[in-house]
Amino acid sequence: PDAGPRTSAGPQPFRTRGMVWTTLRASRTLARAGRRVTLTGRVAADPACGGPYHVIVRRRPTTRENDGHGPTGAAATSLRPGADGHWRLRVRATRTAEFAATVHPTRTCAAGTEVTARIHVTARIEAWAPSPCRRGRVVSGRVRPRQPGTRILLQRRVRGTWRTVARDRLDHHSAFGLRLPSCVGAHRIVWPKQGPISLRGVRRLRLR
């Protein structure tokens, strides 16, 4: 005998009443390694949507090589926006990376398009110049984030052009020593961009 109309036991189709989304802005797009950067945004939604809302912020490496050299991959942070929809997150710049933000979908509203902001990170050079300066003395220092085995240059400005006058490779502590051929003129230390990890770093020297 016919038992009457049957209903499906499977999942029912999702019926959305609208979209919920967020904006994203970084307080700076260029930062030295270790600096704090503030990410801010505002959640907005179609009138039929209702909270509470949760913003998901992800930090992604800009390349696969980046992911293997530091804490730039896959980490995600969930936060609740304020009553006015605004949210704020402080992050530490360690490697050049892209930050992506989206709002978690609710029972009735779908998530809007993911928005992104890229923060470029320059290597931070710490240097100690000898005082008093004499030819042959050594400028020592280190680079952050650690970049063992990479090149570091000492340059002197000659007739409007920066010329390399000494070079070294960072040891396993990311430290260096550069011997001064002269104390005359403007000098700087350069960690040139090597691979996709970070942008280059530059530190001017005061020799006395």
N, C-alpha and C. Protein backbone atom coordinates (compact mmCIF):
# COMPACT_ATOMS: atom_id res chain seq x y z
N PRO A 1 0.83 -1.21 0.00
CA PRO A 1 0.00 0.00 0.00
C PRO A 1 0.86 1.25 0.00
N ASP A 2 0.25 2.30 -0.61
CA ASP A 2 1.00 3.56 -0.68
C ASP A 2 1.02 4.23 0.69
N ALA A 3 2.25 4.56 1.18
CA ALA A 3 2.40 5.16 2.51
C ALA A 3 2.29 6.67 2.46
N GLY A 4 1.95 7.22 1.30
CA GLY A 4 1.85 8.67 1.19
C GLY A 4 3.14 9.29 0.71
N PRO A 5 3.21 10.61 0.58
CA PRO A 5 4.42 11.30 0.07
C PRO A 5 5.60 11.13 1.00
N ARG A 6 6.75 10.93 0.40
CA ARG A 6 7.98 10.75 1.18
C ARG A 6 8.77 12.06 1.22
N THR A 7 9.44 12.26 2.33
CA THR A 7 10.31 13.44 2.46
C THR A 7 11.75 12.97 2.54
N SER A 8 12.66 13.75 1.98
CA SER A 8 14.07 13.39 1.98
C SER A 8 14.66 13.56 3.37
N ALA A 9 15.48 12.59 3.77
CA ALA A 9 16.15 12.69 5.07
C ALA A 9 17.48 13.41 4.96
N GLY A 10 17.88 13.79 3.75
CA GLY A 10 19.16 14.45 3.53
C GLY A 10 19.12 15.90 3.94
N PRO A 11 20.25 16.60 3.84
CA PRO A 11 20.32 18.01 4.23
C PRO A 11 19.45 18.90 3.36
N GLN A 12 18.82 19.86 3.97
CA GLN A 12 17.97 20.79 3.24
C GLN A 12 18.83 21.89 2.61
N PRO A 13 18.40 22.43 1.48
CA PRO A 13 19.20 23.47 0.82
C PRO A 13 19.31 24.71 1.71
N PHE A 14 20.49 25.34 1.67
CA PHE A 14 20.74 26.54 2.47
C PHE A 14 20.02 27.73 1.83
N ARG A 15 19.20 28.40 2.59
CA ARG A 15 18.46 29.54 2.08
C ARG A 15 19.05 30.82 2.70
N THR A 16 19.74 31.59 1.89
CA THR A 16 20.38 32.78 2.42
C THR A 16 19.47 33.99 2.32
N ARG A 17 19.53 34.82 3.35
CA ARG A 17 18.77 36.06 3.36
C ARG A 17 19.62 37.25 2.96
N GLY A 18 20.89 36.99 2.72
CA GLY A 18 21.77 38.09 2.35
C GLY A 18 23.22 37.73 2.59
N MET A 19 24.05 38.76 2.67
CA MET A 19 25.49 38.57 2.82
C MET A 19 25.98 39.38 4.01
N VAL A 20 27.06 38.89 4.61
CA VAL A 20 27.76 39.62 5.67
C VAL A 20 29.22 39.69 5.28
N TRP A 21 29.83 40.85 5.43
CA TRP A 21 31.19 41.03 4.94
C TRP A 21 31.95 42.00 5.85
N THR A 22 33.24 42.17 5.55
CA THR A 22 34.09 43.08 6.32
C THR A 22 35.03 43.84 5.41
N THR A 23 35.48 44.98 5.88
CA THR A 23 36.56 45.70 5.23
C THR A 23 37.86 45.33 5.95
N LEU A 24 39.00 45.71 5.37
CA LEU A 24 40.30 45.42 5.98
C LEU A 24 41.28 46.52 5.60
N ARG A 25 42.00 47.01 6.60
CA ARG A 25 43.02 48.04 6.37
C ARG A 25 44.19 47.79 7.31
N ALA A 26 45.42 47.94 6.78
CA ALA A 26 46.63 47.81 7.59
C ALA A 26 47.17 49.20 7.91
N SER A 27 47.65 49.40 9.13
CA SER A 27 48.17 50.71 9.54
C SER A 27 49.42 51.08 8.76
N ARG A 28 50.14 50.09 8.25
CA ARG A 28 51.29 50.32 7.39
C ARG A 28 51.45 49.13 6.46
N THR A 29 51.96 49.36 5.27
CA THR A 29 52.19 48.28 4.32
C THR A 29 53.67 47.95 4.18
N LEU A 30 54.52 48.73 4.84
CA LEU A 30 55.96 48.47 4.86
C LEU A 30 56.44 48.61 6.29
N ALA A 31 57.07 47.56 6.82
CA ALA A 31 57.48 47.57 8.23
C ALA A 31 58.80 46.84 8.38
N ARG A 32 59.59 47.28 9.36
CA ARG A 32 60.79 46.54 9.71
C ARG A 32 60.42 45.30 10.49
N ALA A 33 61.24 44.27 10.37
CA ALA A 33 60.98 43.01 11.07
C ALA A 33 60.84 43.26 12.56
N GLY A 34 59.80 42.69 13.16
CA GLY A 34 59.56 42.82 14.58
C GLY A 34 58.61 43.93 14.95
N ARG A 35 58.32 44.86 14.01
CA ARG A 35 57.40 45.96 14.30
C ARG A 35 55.97 45.45 14.40
N ARG A 36 55.16 46.14 15.20
CA ARG A 36 53.74 45.82 15.31
C ARG A 36 52.96 46.58 14.25
N VAL A 37 52.00 45.89 13.64
CA VAL A 37 51.13 46.49 12.64
C VAL A 37 49.69 46.26 13.08
N THR A 38 48.84 47.27 12.94
CA THR A 38 47.45 47.16 13.34
C THR A 38 46.56 46.93 12.13
N LEU A 39 45.77 45.87 12.19
CA LEU A 39 44.76 45.58 11.17
C LEU A 39 43.40 46.03 11.71
N THR A 40 42.64 46.74 10.91
CA THR A 40 41.32 47.19 11.33
C THR A 40 40.31 46.91 10.23
N GLY A 41 39.04 46.88 10.62
CA GLY A 41 37.98 46.66 9.64
C GLY A 41 36.63 46.94 10.25
N ARG A 42 35.62 46.86 9.43
CA ARG A 42 34.24 47.07 9.89
C ARG A 42 33.33 46.04 9.22
N VAL A 43 32.54 45.37 10.04
CA VAL A 43 31.60 44.36 9.55
C VAL A 43 30.31 45.05 9.14
N ALA A 44 29.78 44.67 7.98
CA ALA A 44 28.50 45.17 7.50
C ALA A 44 27.70 43.98 6.97
N ALA A 45 26.39 44.12 6.94
CA ALA A 45 25.53 43.02 6.52
C ALA A 45 24.26 43.55 5.89
N ASP A 46 23.62 42.70 5.10
CA ASP A 46 22.32 43.05 4.54
C ASP A 46 21.30 43.14 5.67
N PRO A 47 20.22 43.92 5.48
CA PRO A 47 19.27 44.17 6.56
C PRO A 47 18.67 42.92 7.20
N ALA A 48 18.47 41.86 6.43
CA ALA A 48 17.83 40.66 6.97
C ALA A 48 18.78 39.80 7.81
N CYS A 49 20.04 40.14 7.84
CA CYS A 49 21.02 39.34 8.59
C CYS A 49 21.04 39.76 10.06
N GLY A 50 21.43 38.84 10.90
CA GLY A 50 21.55 39.13 12.32
C GLY A 50 22.79 38.47 12.89
N GLY A 51 23.33 39.08 13.95
CA GLY A 51 24.55 38.56 14.58
C GLY A 51 24.26 37.41 15.51
N PRO A 52 25.24 37.03 16.34
CA PRO A 52 26.57 37.65 16.43
C PRO A 52 27.45 37.26 15.25
N TYR A 53 28.42 38.12 14.95
CA TYR A 53 29.33 37.89 13.84
C TYR A 53 30.73 37.56 14.36
N HIS A 54 31.47 36.79 13.57
CA HIS A 54 32.85 36.43 13.91
C HIS A 54 33.72 36.70 12.69
N VAL A 55 34.76 37.50 12.89
CA VAL A 55 35.71 37.81 11.82
C VAL A 55 36.87 36.82 11.90
N ILE A 56 37.24 36.25 10.76
CA ILE A 56 38.37 35.34 10.68
C ILE A 56 39.49 36.05 9.91
N VAL A 57 40.65 36.18 10.56
CA VAL A 57 41.82 36.80 9.92
C VAL A 57 42.90 35.74 9.77
N ARG A 58 43.38 35.57 8.56
CA ARG A 58 44.42 34.58 8.27
C ARG A 58 45.67 35.27 7.75
N ARG A 59 46.82 34.73 8.15
CA ARG A 59 48.10 35.23 7.63
C ARG A 59 48.67 34.17 6.71
N ARG A 60 48.93 34.57 5.47
CA ARG A 60 49.41 33.62 4.48
C ARG A 60 50.76 34.08 3.94
N PRO A 61 51.68 33.13 3.68
CA PRO A 61 52.94 33.51 3.05
C PRO A 61 52.69 33.94 1.61
N THR A 62 53.55 34.79 1.10
CA THR A 62 53.39 35.23 -0.28
C THR A 62 53.96 34.21 -1.26
N THR A 63 54.79 33.29 -0.77
CA THR A 63 55.34 32.22 -1.61
C THR A 63 55.47 30.97 -0.78
N ARG A 64 55.64 29.85 -1.45
CA ARG A 64 55.83 28.59 -0.74
C ARG A 64 57.14 28.59 0.04
N GLU A 65 58.17 29.26 -0.49
CA GLU A 65 59.45 29.33 0.21
C GLU A 65 59.30 30.08 1.53
N ASN A 66 58.49 31.13 1.54
CA ASN A 66 58.25 31.86 2.78
C ASN A 66 57.69 30.95 3.86
N ASP A 67 56.76 30.08 3.48
CA ASP A 67 56.11 29.21 4.44
C ASP A 67 57.11 28.31 5.14
N GLY A 68 58.21 27.97 4.46
CA GLY A 68 59.20 27.10 5.06
C GLY A 68 60.24 27.81 5.90
N HIS A 69 60.19 29.15 5.98
CA HIS A 69 61.23 29.90 6.69
C HIS A 69 60.74 30.66 7.91
N GLY A 70 59.49 30.51 8.27
CA GLY A 70 59.04 31.26 9.43
C GLY A 70 57.56 31.11 9.68
N PRO A 71 57.04 31.73 10.76
CA PRO A 71 55.65 31.57 11.17
C PRO A 71 54.71 32.45 10.36
N THR A 72 54.66 32.20 9.02
CA THR A 72 53.81 33.05 8.19
C THR A 72 52.62 32.31 7.63
N GLY A 73 52.57 31.02 7.71
CA GLY A 73 51.52 30.28 7.05
C GLY A 73 50.29 30.11 7.91
N ALA A 74 49.30 29.56 7.45
CA ALA A 74 48.09 28.95 7.96
C ALA A 74 47.49 29.44 9.25
N ALA A 75 48.15 30.22 10.07
CA ALA A 75 47.57 30.65 11.34
C ALA A 75 46.35 31.52 11.10
N ALA A 76 45.31 31.30 11.91
CA ALA A 76 44.07 32.08 11.78
C ALA A 76 43.65 32.57 13.15
N THR A 77 43.06 33.76 13.19
CA THR A 77 42.57 34.36 14.42
C THR A 77 41.09 34.69 14.25
N SER A 78 40.28 34.34 15.25
CA SER A 78 38.86 34.65 15.23
C SER A 78 38.58 35.72 16.28
N LEU A 79 37.81 36.75 15.93
CA LEU A 79 37.51 37.81 16.88
C LEU A 79 36.10 38.34 16.65
N ARG A 80 35.54 38.91 17.71
CA ARG A 80 34.20 39.48 17.65
C ARG A 80 34.31 40.99 17.44
N PRO A 81 33.58 41.54 16.48
CA PRO A 81 33.58 43.00 16.31
C PRO A 81 32.79 43.67 17.42
N GLY A 82 33.00 44.96 17.58
CA GLY A 82 32.26 45.72 18.58
C GLY A 82 30.82 45.95 18.15
N ALA A 83 30.05 46.61 19.00
CA ALA A 83 28.64 46.87 18.71
C ALA A 83 28.46 47.69 17.44
N ASP A 84 29.46 48.53 17.12
CA ASP A 84 29.36 49.35 15.91
C ASP A 84 29.92 48.64 14.68
N GLY A 85 30.33 47.37 14.85
CA GLY A 85 30.85 46.60 13.72
C GLY A 85 32.35 46.69 13.51
N HIS A 86 33.03 47.59 14.24
CA HIS A 86 34.47 47.76 14.06
C HIS A 86 35.25 46.70 14.83
N TRP A 87 36.37 46.29 14.27
CA TRP A 87 37.27 45.35 14.94
C TRP A 87 38.71 45.80 14.72
N ARG A 88 39.61 45.28 15.56
CA ARG A 88 41.02 45.70 15.55
C ARG A 88 41.89 44.53 15.98
N LEU A 89 43.00 44.33 15.28
CA LEU A 89 43.91 43.24 15.61
C LEU A 89 45.34 43.71 15.43
N ARG A 90 46.18 43.50 16.46
CA ARG A 90 47.61 43.85 16.39
C ARG A 90 48.40 42.60 16.03
N VAL A 91 49.26 42.70 15.02
CA VAL A 91 50.09 41.58 14.59
C VAL A 91 51.54 42.03 14.55
N ARG A 92 52.45 41.07 14.68
CA ARG A 92 53.88 41.37 14.59
C ARG A 92 54.38 41.02 13.19
N ALA A 93 55.05 41.97 12.55
CA ALA A 93 55.58 41.74 11.21
C ALA A 93 56.86 40.92 11.31
N THR A 94 56.83 39.71 10.79
CA THR A 94 58.01 38.84 10.82
C THR A 94 58.54 38.55 9.43
N ARG A 95 57.67 38.33 8.48
CA ARG A 95 58.04 38.08 7.09
C ARG A 95 57.02 38.78 6.20
N THR A 96 57.40 39.06 4.98
CA THR A 96 56.44 39.59 4.03
C THR A 96 55.30 38.59 3.89
N ALA A 97 54.08 39.05 4.09
CA ALA A 97 52.93 38.14 4.09
C ALA A 97 51.66 38.89 3.70
N GLU A 98 50.66 38.11 3.34
CA GLU A 98 49.35 38.65 3.00
C GLU A 98 48.36 38.27 4.09
N PHE A 99 47.60 39.24 4.55
CA PHE A 99 46.56 39.00 5.55
C PHE A 99 45.21 39.02 4.86
N ALA A 100 44.38 38.05 5.18
CA ALA A 100 43.05 37.92 4.57
C ALA A 100 41.99 37.92 5.66
N ALA A 101 40.90 38.63 5.44
CA ALA A 101 39.83 38.71 6.43
C ALA A 101 38.49 38.39 5.77
N THR A 102 37.66 37.66 6.50
CA THR A 102 36.31 37.35 6.06
C THR A 102 35.44 37.18 7.30
N VAL A 103 34.14 37.24 7.11
CA VAL A 103 33.20 37.03 8.22
C VAL A 103 32.64 35.63 8.11
N HIS A 104 32.62 34.91 9.22
CA HIS A 104 32.08 33.55 9.21
C HIS A 104 30.59 33.61 8.87
N PRO A 105 30.11 32.75 7.97
CA PRO A 105 28.68 32.77 7.64
C PRO A 105 27.81 32.44 8.84
N THR A 106 26.64 33.02 8.89
CA THR A 106 25.68 32.74 9.96
C THR A 106 24.65 31.72 9.47
N ARG A 107 23.65 31.41 10.30
CA ARG A 107 22.64 30.44 9.92
C ARG A 107 21.81 30.91 8.73
N THR A 108 21.71 32.21 8.58
CA THR A 108 20.84 32.74 7.53
C THR A 108 21.57 33.55 6.46
N CYS A 109 22.83 33.90 6.69
CA CYS A 109 23.54 34.76 5.74
C CYS A 109 24.89 34.17 5.35
N ALA A 110 25.21 34.32 4.10
CA ALA A 110 26.46 33.80 3.56
C ALA A 110 27.59 34.81 3.75
N ALA A 111 28.81 34.31 3.73
CA ALA A 111 29.98 35.18 3.87
C ALA A 111 30.27 35.90 2.57
N GLY A 112 30.65 37.16 2.70
CA GLY A 112 31.02 37.94 1.53
C GLY A 112 32.42 37.59 1.05
N THR A 113 32.87 38.29 0.03
CA THR A 113 34.18 38.04 -0.57
C THR A 113 35.30 38.34 0.42
N GLU A 114 36.31 37.49 0.43
CA GLU A 114 37.48 37.70 1.29
C GLU A 114 38.24 38.94 0.83
N VAL A 115 38.71 39.75 1.79
CA VAL A 115 39.50 40.94 1.46
C VAL A 115 40.92 40.73 2.00
N THR A 116 41.90 41.32 1.33
CA THR A 116 43.30 41.08 1.68
C THR A 116 44.09 42.37 1.80
N ALA A 117 45.19 42.29 2.54
CA ALA A 117 46.15 43.39 2.66
C ALA A 117 47.54 42.77 2.77
N ARG A 118 48.49 43.26 2.01
CA ARG A 118 49.85 42.72 2.04
C ARG A 118 50.76 43.66 2.83
N ILE A 119 51.57 43.08 3.70
CA ILE A 119 52.54 43.85 4.48
C ILE A 119 53.93 43.39 4.09
N HIS A 120 54.71 44.29 3.54
CA HIS A 120 56.09 43.99 3.14
C HIS A 120 57.01 44.25 4.34
N VAL A 121 57.88 43.31 4.61
CA VAL A 121 58.75 43.39 5.78
C VAL A 121 60.21 43.51 5.33
N THR A 122 60.90 44.51 5.87
CA THR A 122 62.31 44.69 5.56
C THR A 122 63.16 44.09 6.69
N ALA A 123 64.32 43.58 6.33
CA ALA A 123 65.24 43.05 7.34
C ALA A 123 65.68 44.18 8.26
N ARG A 124 65.81 43.88 9.55
CA ARG A 124 66.25 44.87 10.55
C ARG A 124 67.73 44.62 10.86
N ILE A 125 68.55 45.64 10.66
CA ILE A 125 69.99 45.51 10.87
C ILE A 125 70.38 46.26 12.14
N GLU A 126 71.03 45.55 13.05
CA GLU A 126 71.60 46.17 14.24
C GLU A 126 73.11 46.22 14.03
N ALA A 127 73.71 47.38 14.24
CA ALA A 127 75.15 47.54 13.97
C ALA A 127 75.82 48.36 15.06
N TRP A 128 77.09 48.01 15.32
CA TRP A 128 77.90 48.72 16.30
C TRP A 128 79.20 49.14 15.63
N ALA A 129 79.35 50.46 15.48
CA ALA A 129 80.54 50.99 14.82
C ALA A 129 81.62 51.28 15.86
N PRO A 130 82.89 51.02 15.54
CA PRO A 130 83.97 51.29 16.50
C PRO A 130 84.15 52.78 16.71
N SER A 131 84.46 53.15 17.94
CA SER A 131 84.71 54.55 18.27
C SER A 131 85.92 54.64 19.18
N PRO A 132 86.97 55.40 18.80
CA PRO A 132 87.03 56.19 17.56
C PRO A 132 87.23 55.30 16.34
N CYS A 133 86.82 55.82 15.20
CA CYS A 133 86.94 55.06 13.95
C CYS A 133 88.37 55.12 13.44
N ARG A 134 88.88 53.95 13.08
CA ARG A 134 90.21 53.87 12.45
C ARG A 134 90.14 52.85 11.31
N ARG A 135 90.90 53.10 10.30
CA ARG A 135 90.96 52.17 9.18
C ARG A 135 91.38 50.78 9.66
N GLY A 136 90.66 49.76 9.21
CA GLY A 136 90.97 48.38 9.60
C GLY A 136 90.13 47.87 10.76
N ARG A 137 89.48 48.77 11.48
CA ARG A 137 88.62 48.31 12.57
C ARG A 137 87.33 47.70 12.01
N VAL A 138 86.62 46.94 12.85
CA VAL A 138 85.49 46.14 12.37
C VAL A 138 84.16 46.70 12.88
N VAL A 139 83.20 46.79 11.96
CA VAL A 139 81.81 47.08 12.30
C VAL A 139 81.11 45.74 12.49
N SER A 140 80.54 45.53 13.67
CA SER A 140 79.85 44.27 13.94
C SER A 140 78.35 44.50 14.05
N GLY A 141 77.58 43.43 13.95
CA GLY A 141 76.14 43.56 14.06
C GLY A 141 75.45 42.26 13.76
N ARG A 142 74.13 42.34 13.62
CA ARG A 142 73.32 41.16 13.30
C ARG A 142 72.08 41.60 12.53
N VAL A 143 71.45 40.62 11.89
CA VAL A 143 70.27 40.87 11.06
C VAL A 143 69.10 40.10 11.63
N ARG A 144 67.93 40.76 11.68
CA ARG A 144 66.69 40.12 12.11
C ARG A 144 65.62 40.34 11.03
N PRO A 145 64.81 39.31 10.71
CA PRO A 145 64.86 37.96 11.23
C PRO A 145 66.15 37.24 10.81
N ARG A 146 66.48 36.17 11.51
CA ARG A 146 67.74 35.49 11.27
C ARG A 146 67.83 34.98 9.83
N GLN A 147 68.98 35.26 9.20
CA GLN A 147 69.20 34.87 7.81
C GLN A 147 70.60 34.27 7.66
N PRO A 148 70.95 33.20 8.40
CA PRO A 148 72.31 32.65 8.35
C PRO A 148 72.72 32.24 6.93
N GLY A 149 73.98 32.53 6.62
CA GLY A 149 74.53 32.16 5.32
C GLY A 149 74.29 33.16 4.22
N THR A 150 73.53 34.22 4.47
CA THR A 150 73.26 35.20 3.41
C THR A 150 74.30 36.32 3.44
N ARG A 151 74.32 37.10 2.37
CA ARG A 151 75.34 38.14 2.19
C ARG A 151 74.96 39.42 2.93
N ILE A 152 75.99 40.13 3.39
CA ILE A 152 75.83 41.44 4.00
C ILE A 152 76.93 42.34 3.43
N LEU A 153 76.61 43.58 3.11
CA LEU A 153 77.55 44.46 2.41
C LEU A 153 77.79 45.74 3.20
N LEU A 154 79.01 46.25 3.14
CA LEU A 154 79.36 47.58 3.61
C LEU A 154 79.59 48.45 2.39
N GLN A 155 78.87 49.56 2.30
CA GLN A 155 78.99 50.43 1.15
C GLN A 155 79.40 51.84 1.57
N ARG A 156 80.15 52.49 0.67
CA ARG A 156 80.60 53.86 0.89
C ARG A 156 80.14 54.71 -0.29
N ARG A 157 79.69 55.93 0.00
CA ARG A 157 79.22 56.81 -1.07
C ARG A 157 80.40 57.54 -1.68
N VAL A 158 80.61 57.31 -2.98
CA VAL A 158 81.72 57.92 -3.72
C VAL A 158 81.17 58.61 -4.95
N ARG A 159 81.35 59.93 -5.02
CA ARG A 159 80.88 60.73 -6.15
C ARG A 159 79.41 60.44 -6.48
N GLY A 160 78.57 60.41 -5.45
CA GLY A 160 77.13 60.25 -5.64
C GLY A 160 76.65 58.83 -5.85
N THR A 161 77.57 57.84 -5.77
CA THR A 161 77.20 56.44 -6.00
C THR A 161 77.63 55.58 -4.81
N TRP A 162 76.76 54.66 -4.41
CA TRP A 162 77.12 53.72 -3.33
C TRP A 162 77.95 52.58 -3.91
N ARG A 163 79.16 52.40 -3.35
CA ARG A 163 80.05 51.35 -3.81
C ARG A 163 80.36 50.40 -2.66
N THR A 164 80.33 49.11 -2.96
CA THR A 164 80.61 48.10 -1.94
C THR A 164 82.11 48.06 -1.65
N VAL A 165 82.47 48.22 -0.35
CA VAL A 165 83.89 48.25 0.03
C VAL A 165 84.26 47.08 0.94
N ALA A 166 83.27 46.35 1.43
CA ALA A 166 83.54 45.15 2.24
C ALA A 166 82.29 44.28 2.22
N ARG A 167 82.48 42.96 2.41
CA ARG A 167 81.35 42.05 2.41
C ARG A 167 81.61 40.88 3.34
N ASP A 168 80.53 40.26 3.78
CA ASP A 168 80.63 39.13 4.71
C ASP A 168 79.39 38.27 4.53
N ARG A 169 79.40 37.09 5.17
CA ARG A 169 78.20 36.24 5.22
C ARG A 169 77.79 36.07 6.67
N LEU A 170 76.50 36.09 6.92
CA LEU A 170 76.00 35.97 8.28
C LEU A 170 76.27 34.58 8.82
N ASP A 171 76.71 34.51 10.09
CA ASP A 171 76.98 33.21 10.70
C ASP A 171 75.67 32.60 11.22
N HIS A 172 75.78 31.50 11.98
CA HIS A 172 74.57 30.80 12.42
C HIS A 172 73.76 31.61 13.43
N HIS A 173 74.37 32.67 14.00
CA HIS A 173 73.63 33.59 14.86
C HIS A 173 73.07 34.78 14.09
N SER A 174 73.29 34.78 12.77
CA SER A 174 72.90 35.90 11.90
C SER A 174 73.73 37.15 12.20
N ALA A 175 74.97 36.94 12.70
CA ALA A 175 75.87 38.05 13.02
C ALA A 175 76.89 38.24 11.90
N PHE A 176 77.51 39.44 11.88
CA PHE A 176 78.49 39.74 10.85
C PHE A 176 79.59 40.62 11.41
N GLY A 177 80.70 40.71 10.65
CA GLY A 177 81.78 41.62 10.95
C GLY A 177 82.33 42.18 9.64
N LEU A 178 82.35 43.50 9.50
CA LEU A 178 82.78 44.15 8.27
C LEU A 178 83.95 45.09 8.58
N ARG A 179 85.06 44.87 7.89
CA ARG A 179 86.26 45.66 8.17
C ARG A 179 86.23 46.97 7.38
N LEU A 180 86.51 48.07 8.07
CA LEU A 180 86.45 49.40 7.45
C LEU A 180 87.74 49.71 6.69
N PRO A 181 87.65 49.94 5.39
CA PRO A 181 88.85 50.36 4.65
C PRO A 181 89.13 51.84 4.81
N SER A 182 88.12 52.61 5.29
CA SER A 182 88.27 54.05 5.44
C SER A 182 87.20 54.55 6.40
N CYS A 183 87.48 55.68 7.03
CA CYS A 183 86.49 56.32 7.91
C CYS A 183 85.95 57.61 7.30
N VAL A 184 86.32 57.89 6.08
CA VAL A 184 85.94 59.13 5.40
C VAL A 184 84.69 58.89 4.56
N GLY A 185 83.76 59.83 4.62
CA GLY A 185 82.57 59.76 3.78
C GLY A 185 81.42 59.02 4.44
N ALA A 186 80.28 58.98 3.73
CA ALA A 186 79.07 58.32 4.22
C ALA A 186 79.17 56.82 3.99
N HIS A 187 78.73 56.05 4.98
CA HIS A 187 78.73 54.59 4.88
C HIS A 187 77.36 54.04 5.25
N ARG A 188 77.07 52.86 4.74
CA ARG A 188 75.84 52.16 5.10
C ARG A 188 76.06 50.66 5.01
N ILE A 189 75.22 49.92 5.72
CA ILE A 189 75.24 48.45 5.67
C ILE A 189 73.97 48.01 4.95
N VAL A 190 74.12 47.08 4.02
CA VAL A 190 72.99 46.62 3.21
C VAL A 190 72.88 45.10 3.30
N TRP A 191 71.69 44.64 3.66
CA TRP A 191 71.37 43.22 3.48
C TRP A 191 70.51 43.15 2.23
N PRO A 192 71.10 42.74 1.08
CA PRO A 192 70.33 42.74 -0.17
C PRO A 192 69.27 41.65 -0.16
N LYS A 193 68.18 41.91 -0.85
CA LYS A 193 67.10 40.92 -0.95
C LYS A 193 67.66 39.64 -1.54
N GLN A 194 67.48 38.54 -0.82
CA GLN A 194 67.99 37.24 -1.26
C GLN A 194 66.88 36.22 -1.13
N GLY A 195 66.29 35.85 -2.25
CA GLY A 195 65.14 34.97 -2.21
C GLY A 195 63.89 35.74 -1.86
N PRO A 196 62.77 35.05 -1.66
CA PRO A 196 61.48 35.71 -1.46
C PRO A 196 61.12 35.96 -0.01
N ILE A 197 62.12 35.87 0.91
CA ILE A 197 61.77 35.92 2.34
C ILE A 197 61.33 37.31 2.76
N SER A 198 62.13 38.32 2.54
CA SER A 198 61.83 39.68 2.98
C SER A 198 62.39 40.66 1.96
N LEU A 199 62.01 41.90 2.10
CA LEU A 199 62.67 42.92 1.32
C LEU A 199 64.02 43.23 1.95
N ARG A 200 64.87 43.94 1.22
CA ARG A 200 66.21 44.21 1.72
C ARG A 200 66.17 45.15 2.92
N GLY A 201 67.26 45.14 3.69
CA GLY A 201 67.39 46.03 4.83
C GLY A 201 68.59 46.95 4.63
N VAL A 202 68.49 48.19 5.12
CA VAL A 202 69.56 49.18 5.01
C VAL A 202 69.73 49.87 6.34
N ARG A 203 71.01 50.07 6.74
CA ARG A 203 71.30 50.78 8.00
C ARG A 203 72.44 51.76 7.74
N ARG A 204 72.18 53.05 7.97
CA ARG A 204 73.23 54.06 7.80
C ARG A 204 74.17 54.03 9.01
N LEU A 205 75.44 54.34 8.78
CA LEU A 205 76.44 54.34 9.83
C LEU A 205 76.94 55.75 10.12
N ARG A 206 77.19 56.01 11.39
CA ARG A 206 77.85 57.23 11.78
C ARG A 206 79.23 56.89 12.30
N LEU A 207 80.24 57.30 11.55
CA LEU A 207 81.62 57.00 11.92
C LEU A 207 82.27 58.24 12.49
N ARG A 208 82.91 58.08 13.67
CA ARG A 208 83.55 59.22 14.33
C ARG A 208 84.97 58.85 14.72
